[in-house]
Amino acid sequence: MTEPIFFEIPIYRVPQSKHTQEQEQEKIKVAKPENKLIAPESFRSAEAYFDREMWYPWRYNEIVGYLDLYIS
């Protein structure tokens, strides 16, 4: 029989700041900033599409494992 888990610590691929940086770099490729002045509606639409369909939140999607703490 295994001991009950006392606490679970998620291990992430990258820190949240790095994930946000990667997200911003990818968003620039989709919603090109130069379009913000030329076609603002198109720019906002591209940004919204990226946020809704192409990228993902950090908190639950960047976990690569857990460190489980047990009481023995």
C-alpha atoms as a PDB file:
ATOM      1  CA  MET A   1       0.000   0.000   0.000  1.00  0.00           C
ATOM      2  CA  THR A   2       1.323   3.442  -0.896  1.00  0.00           C
ATOM      3  CA  GLU A   3       1.438   6.278   1.565  1.00  0.00           C
ATOM      4  CA  PRO A   4      -1.124   9.078   1.089  1.00  0.00           C
ATOM      5  CA  ILE A   5       0.117  12.116  -0.814  1.00  0.00           C
ATOM      6  CA  PHE A   6       0.620  15.054   1.538  1.00  0.00           C
ATOM      7  CA  PHE A   7       1.203  17.697  -1.139  1.00  0.00           C
ATOM      8  CA  GLU A   8       1.613  17.868  -4.939  1.00  0.00           C
ATOM      9  CA  ILE A   9       3.924  20.427  -6.538  1.00  0.00           C
ATOM     10  CA  PRO A  10       3.480  21.008 -10.293  1.00  0.00           C
ATOM     11  CA  ILE A  11       6.666  21.182 -12.390  1.00  0.00           C
ATOM     12  CA  TYR A  12       6.351  23.547 -15.349  1.00  0.00           C
ATOM     13  CA  ARG A  13       8.154  23.515 -18.715  1.00  0.00           C
ATOM     14  CA  VAL A  14       9.048  27.202 -18.325  1.00  0.00           C
ATOM     15  CA  PRO A  15       8.251  29.964 -15.819  1.00  0.00           C
ATOM     16  CA  GLN A  16       5.136  32.016 -16.471  1.00  0.00           C
ATOM     17  CA  SER A  17       7.206  35.029 -17.583  1.00  0.00           C
ATOM     18  CA  LYS A  18       8.928  32.954 -20.309  1.00  0.00           C
ATOM     19  CA  HIS A  19       5.572  31.538 -21.454  1.00  0.00           C
ATOM     20  CA  THR A  20       4.170  35.067 -21.731  1.00  0.00           C
ATOM     21  CA  GLN A  21       7.226  36.172 -23.707  1.00  0.00           C
ATOM     22  CA  GLU A  22       6.805  33.238 -26.118  1.00  0.00           C
ATOM     23  CA  GLN A  23       3.102  34.057 -26.441  1.00  0.00           C
ATOM     24  CA  GLU A  24       3.814  37.685 -27.340  1.00  0.00           C
ATOM     25  CA  GLN A  25       6.383  36.641 -29.963  1.00  0.00           C
ATOM     26  CA  GLU A  26       3.878  34.280 -31.596  1.00  0.00           C
ATOM     27  CA  LYS A  27       1.066  36.840 -31.424  1.00  0.00           C
ATOM     28  CA  ILE A  28       3.215  39.343 -33.341  1.00  0.00           C
ATOM     29  CA  LYS A  29       3.492  36.816 -36.183  1.00  0.00           C
ATOM     30  CA  VAL A  30      -0.311  36.489 -36.408  1.00  0.00           C
ATOM     31  CA  ALA A  31      -1.525  40.004 -35.556  1.00  0.00           C
ATOM     32  CA  LYS A  32       1.174  42.116 -37.143  1.00  0.00           C
ATOM     33  CA  PRO A  33       1.584  45.387 -35.167  1.00  0.00           C
ATOM     34  CA  GLU A  34       1.969  47.436 -38.367  1.00  0.00           C
ATOM     35  CA  ASN A  35      -1.672  46.561 -39.163  1.00  0.00           C
ATOM     36  CA  LYS A  36      -2.867  48.257 -35.972  1.00  0.00           C
ATOM     37  CA  LEU A  37      -2.892  51.678 -37.656  1.00  0.00           C
ATOM     38  CA  ILE A  38      -3.769  50.525 -41.175  1.00  0.00           C
ATOM     39  CA  ALA A  39      -6.623  48.158 -40.317  1.00  0.00           C
ATOM     40  CA  PRO A  40      -7.462  48.352 -36.594  1.00  0.00           C
ATOM     41  CA  GLU A  41     -10.532  46.072 -36.790  1.00  0.00           C
ATOM     42  CA  SER A  42      -8.572  43.406 -38.628  1.00  0.00           C
ATOM     43  CA  PHE A  43      -5.760  43.703 -36.083  1.00  0.00           C
ATOM     44  CA  ARG A  44      -8.161  43.303 -33.132  1.00  0.00           C
ATOM     45  CA  SER A  45      -9.825  40.354 -34.856  1.00  0.00           C
ATOM     46  CA  ALA A  46      -6.466  38.646 -35.434  1.00  0.00           C
ATOM     47  CA  GLU A  47      -5.461  39.237 -31.796  1.00  0.00           C
ATOM     48  CA  ALA A  48      -8.757  37.834 -30.530  1.00  0.00           C
ATOM     49  CA  TYR A  49      -8.452  34.784 -32.797  1.00  0.00           C
ATOM     50  CA  PHE A  50      -4.922  34.141 -31.544  1.00  0.00           C
ATOM     51  CA  ASP A  51      -5.976  34.410 -27.891  1.00  0.00           C
ATOM     52  CA  ARG A  52      -9.068  32.247 -28.369  1.00  0.00           C
ATOM     53  CA  GLU A  53      -7.888  29.570 -30.811  1.00  0.00           C
ATOM     54  CA  MET A  54      -4.111  29.460 -31.175  1.00  0.00           C
ATOM     55  CA  TRP A  55      -2.575  29.884 -27.732  1.00  0.00           C
ATOM     56  CA  TYR A  56      -3.298  28.409 -24.344  1.00  0.00           C
ATOM     57  CA  PRO A  57      -3.164  29.457 -20.695  1.00  0.00           C
ATOM     58  CA  TRP A  58       0.042  28.730 -18.799  1.00  0.00           C
ATOM     59  CA  ARG A  59      -1.335  27.457 -15.505  1.00  0.00           C
ATOM     60  CA  TYR A  60      -2.577  24.003 -16.556  1.00  0.00           C
ATOM     61  CA  ASN A  61      -1.021  23.472 -19.984  1.00  0.00           C
ATOM     62  CA  GLU A  62       2.666  23.881 -19.207  1.00  0.00           C
ATOM     63  CA  ILE A  63       2.860  21.226 -16.479  1.00  0.00           C
ATOM     64  CA  VAL A  64       5.325  18.459 -17.362  1.00  0.00           C
ATOM     65  CA  GLY A  65       5.103  16.538 -14.110  1.00  0.00           C
ATOM     66  CA  TYR A  66       4.429  16.633 -10.392  1.00  0.00           C
ATOM     67  CA  LEU A  67       6.603  16.292  -7.342  1.00  0.00           C
ATOM     68  CA  ASP A  68       4.564  14.329  -4.818  1.00  0.00           C
ATOM     69  CA  LEU A  69       5.319  14.649  -1.100  1.00  0.00           C
ATOM     70  CA  TYR A  70       4.322  11.755   1.131  1.00  0.00           C
ATOM     71  CA  ILE A  71       3.979  11.293   4.872  1.00  0.00           C
ATOM     72  CA  SER A  72       5.677   8.175   6.120  1.00  0.00           C
END
